[in-house]
Amino acid sequence: MVLMLAMLGTAQPSLLAFPAERPVFLREYSTNHYRVGAYFVSRLVFEAAVTFVQIALVVSRCIYFTALVLFV
């Protein structure tokens, strides 16, 4: 349950960033700086890396406190 909430918590800022970045995306897309697919793949890779780090921190904290409770 903790991991599911952590993953959903990392998705919220990503969803809120799209409307804010829309004018920049449209301007750069209209001047042929990149295609739509390239933009979304780059966003996906970046967000996946950030999510992986955040989930790794949550898992490590869960393991630490579980071991602390069980073995102390």
C-alpha atoms as a PDB file:
ATOM      1  CA  MET A   1       0.000   0.000   0.000  1.00  0.00           C
ATOM      2  CA  VAL A   2       2.856   2.347   0.856  1.00  0.00           C
ATOM      3  CA  LEU A   3       4.549   1.673  -2.476  1.00  0.00           C
ATOM      4  CA  MET A   4       1.342   2.269  -4.413  1.00  0.00           C
ATOM      5  CA  LEU A   5       0.803   5.608  -2.689  1.00  0.00           C
ATOM      6  CA  ALA A   6       4.420   6.583  -3.304  1.00  0.00           C
ATOM      7  CA  MET A   7       4.129   5.825  -7.012  1.00  0.00           C
ATOM      8  CA  LEU A   8       0.864   7.736  -7.345  1.00  0.00           C
ATOM      9  CA  GLY A   9       2.384  10.610  -5.397  1.00  0.00           C
ATOM     10  CA  THR A  10       5.209  10.916  -7.910  1.00  0.00           C
ATOM     11  CA  ALA A  11       2.743  10.965 -10.814  1.00  0.00           C
ATOM     12  CA  GLN A  12       0.812  13.981  -9.544  1.00  0.00           C
ATOM     13  CA  PRO A  13       3.513  16.623 -10.250  1.00  0.00           C
ATOM     14  CA  SER A  14       4.020  15.167 -13.720  1.00  0.00           C
ATOM     15  CA  LEU A  15       0.354  15.508 -14.572  1.00  0.00           C
ATOM     16  CA  LEU A  16       0.272  19.070 -13.297  1.00  0.00           C
ATOM     17  CA  ALA A  17       3.366  20.017 -15.312  1.00  0.00           C
ATOM     18  CA  PHE A  18       1.786  19.326 -18.730  1.00  0.00           C
ATOM     19  CA  PRO A  19      -0.577  22.343 -18.775  1.00  0.00           C
ATOM     20  CA  ALA A  20       2.245  24.615 -17.609  1.00  0.00           C
ATOM     21  CA  GLU A  21       4.611  23.344 -20.327  1.00  0.00           C
ATOM     22  CA  ARG A  22       2.022  23.407 -23.103  1.00  0.00           C
ATOM     23  CA  PRO A  23       2.903  26.871 -24.504  1.00  0.00           C
ATOM     24  CA  VAL A  24       6.606  26.026 -24.632  1.00  0.00           C
ATOM     25  CA  PHE A  25       5.894  22.678 -26.266  1.00  0.00           C
ATOM     26  CA  LEU A  26       3.607  24.209 -28.903  1.00  0.00           C
ATOM     27  CA  ARG A  27       6.121  26.939 -29.722  1.00  0.00           C
ATOM     28  CA  GLU A  28       9.025  24.492 -30.071  1.00  0.00           C
ATOM     29  CA  TYR A  29       6.916  21.956 -31.972  1.00  0.00           C
ATOM     30  CA  SER A  30       5.739  24.590 -34.450  1.00  0.00           C
ATOM     31  CA  THR A  31       9.360  25.583 -35.173  1.00  0.00           C
ATOM     32  CA  ASN A  32      10.321  21.894 -35.724  1.00  0.00           C
ATOM     33  CA  HIS A  33      12.688  21.589 -32.777  1.00  0.00           C
ATOM     34  CA  TYR A  34      11.391  18.070 -32.068  1.00  0.00           C
ATOM     35  CA  ARG A  35       8.473  15.759 -32.707  1.00  0.00           C
ATOM     36  CA  VAL A  36       5.732  14.785 -30.279  1.00  0.00           C
ATOM     37  CA  GLY A  37       7.104  11.260 -29.799  1.00  0.00           C
ATOM     38  CA  ALA A  38      10.566  12.529 -28.898  1.00  0.00           C
ATOM     39  CA  TYR A  39       9.091  14.902 -26.322  1.00  0.00           C
ATOM     40  CA  PHE A  40       7.035  12.223 -24.607  1.00  0.00           C
ATOM     41  CA  VAL A  41       9.835   9.640 -24.656  1.00  0.00           C
ATOM     42  CA  SER A  42      12.218  12.122 -23.039  1.00  0.00           C
ATOM     43  CA  ARG A  43       9.616  13.023 -20.410  1.00  0.00           C
ATOM     44  CA  LEU A  44       8.946   9.335 -19.760  1.00  0.00           C
ATOM     45  CA  VAL A  45      12.628   8.515 -19.287  1.00  0.00           C
ATOM     46  CA  PHE A  46      13.155  11.440 -16.927  1.00  0.00           C
ATOM     47  CA  GLU A  47      10.054  10.721 -14.876  1.00  0.00           C
ATOM     48  CA  ALA A  48      10.892   7.003 -14.711  1.00  0.00           C
ATOM     49  CA  ALA A  49      14.338   7.809 -13.302  1.00  0.00           C
ATOM     50  CA  VAL A  50      12.898  10.173 -10.686  1.00  0.00           C
ATOM     51  CA  THR A  51      10.195   7.668  -9.734  1.00  0.00           C
ATOM     52  CA  PHE A  52      12.769   4.870  -9.423  1.00  0.00           C
ATOM     53  CA  VAL A  53      14.862   6.922  -6.994  1.00  0.00           C
ATOM     54  CA  GLN A  54      11.854   7.917  -4.921  1.00  0.00           C
ATOM     55  CA  ILE A  55      10.518   4.362  -4.743  1.00  0.00           C
ATOM     56  CA  ALA A  56      13.974   3.053  -3.834  1.00  0.00           C
ATOM     57  CA  LEU A  57      14.066   5.496  -0.917  1.00  0.00           C
ATOM     58  CA  VAL A  58      10.609   4.427   0.261  1.00  0.00           C
ATOM     59  CA  VAL A  59      11.509   0.735   0.022  1.00  0.00           C
ATOM     60  CA  SER A  60      14.770   1.243   1.891  1.00  0.00           C
ATOM     61  CA  ARG A  61      12.944   3.096   4.680  1.00  0.00           C
ATOM     62  CA  CYS A  62      10.315   0.352   4.910  1.00  0.00           C
ATOM     63  CA  ILE A  63      12.983  -2.345   5.101  1.00  0.00           C
ATOM     64  CA  TYR A  64      14.969  -0.400   7.696  1.00  0.00           C
ATOM     65  CA  PHE A  65      12.035   0.219  10.010  1.00  0.00           C
ATOM     66  CA  THR A  66      10.705  -3.318   9.587  1.00  0.00           C
ATOM     67  CA  ALA A  67      14.091  -4.732  10.536  1.00  0.00           C
ATOM     68  CA  LEU A  68      14.306  -2.275  13.420  1.00  0.00           C
ATOM     69  CA  VAL A  69      10.960  -3.407  14.817  1.00  0.00           C
ATOM     70  CA  LEU A  70      11.560  -7.123  14.285  1.00  0.00           C
ATOM     71  CA  PHE A  71      15.109  -7.395  15.582  1.00  0.00           C
ATOM     72  CA  VAL A  72      15.151  -4.930  18.478  1.00  0.00           C
END
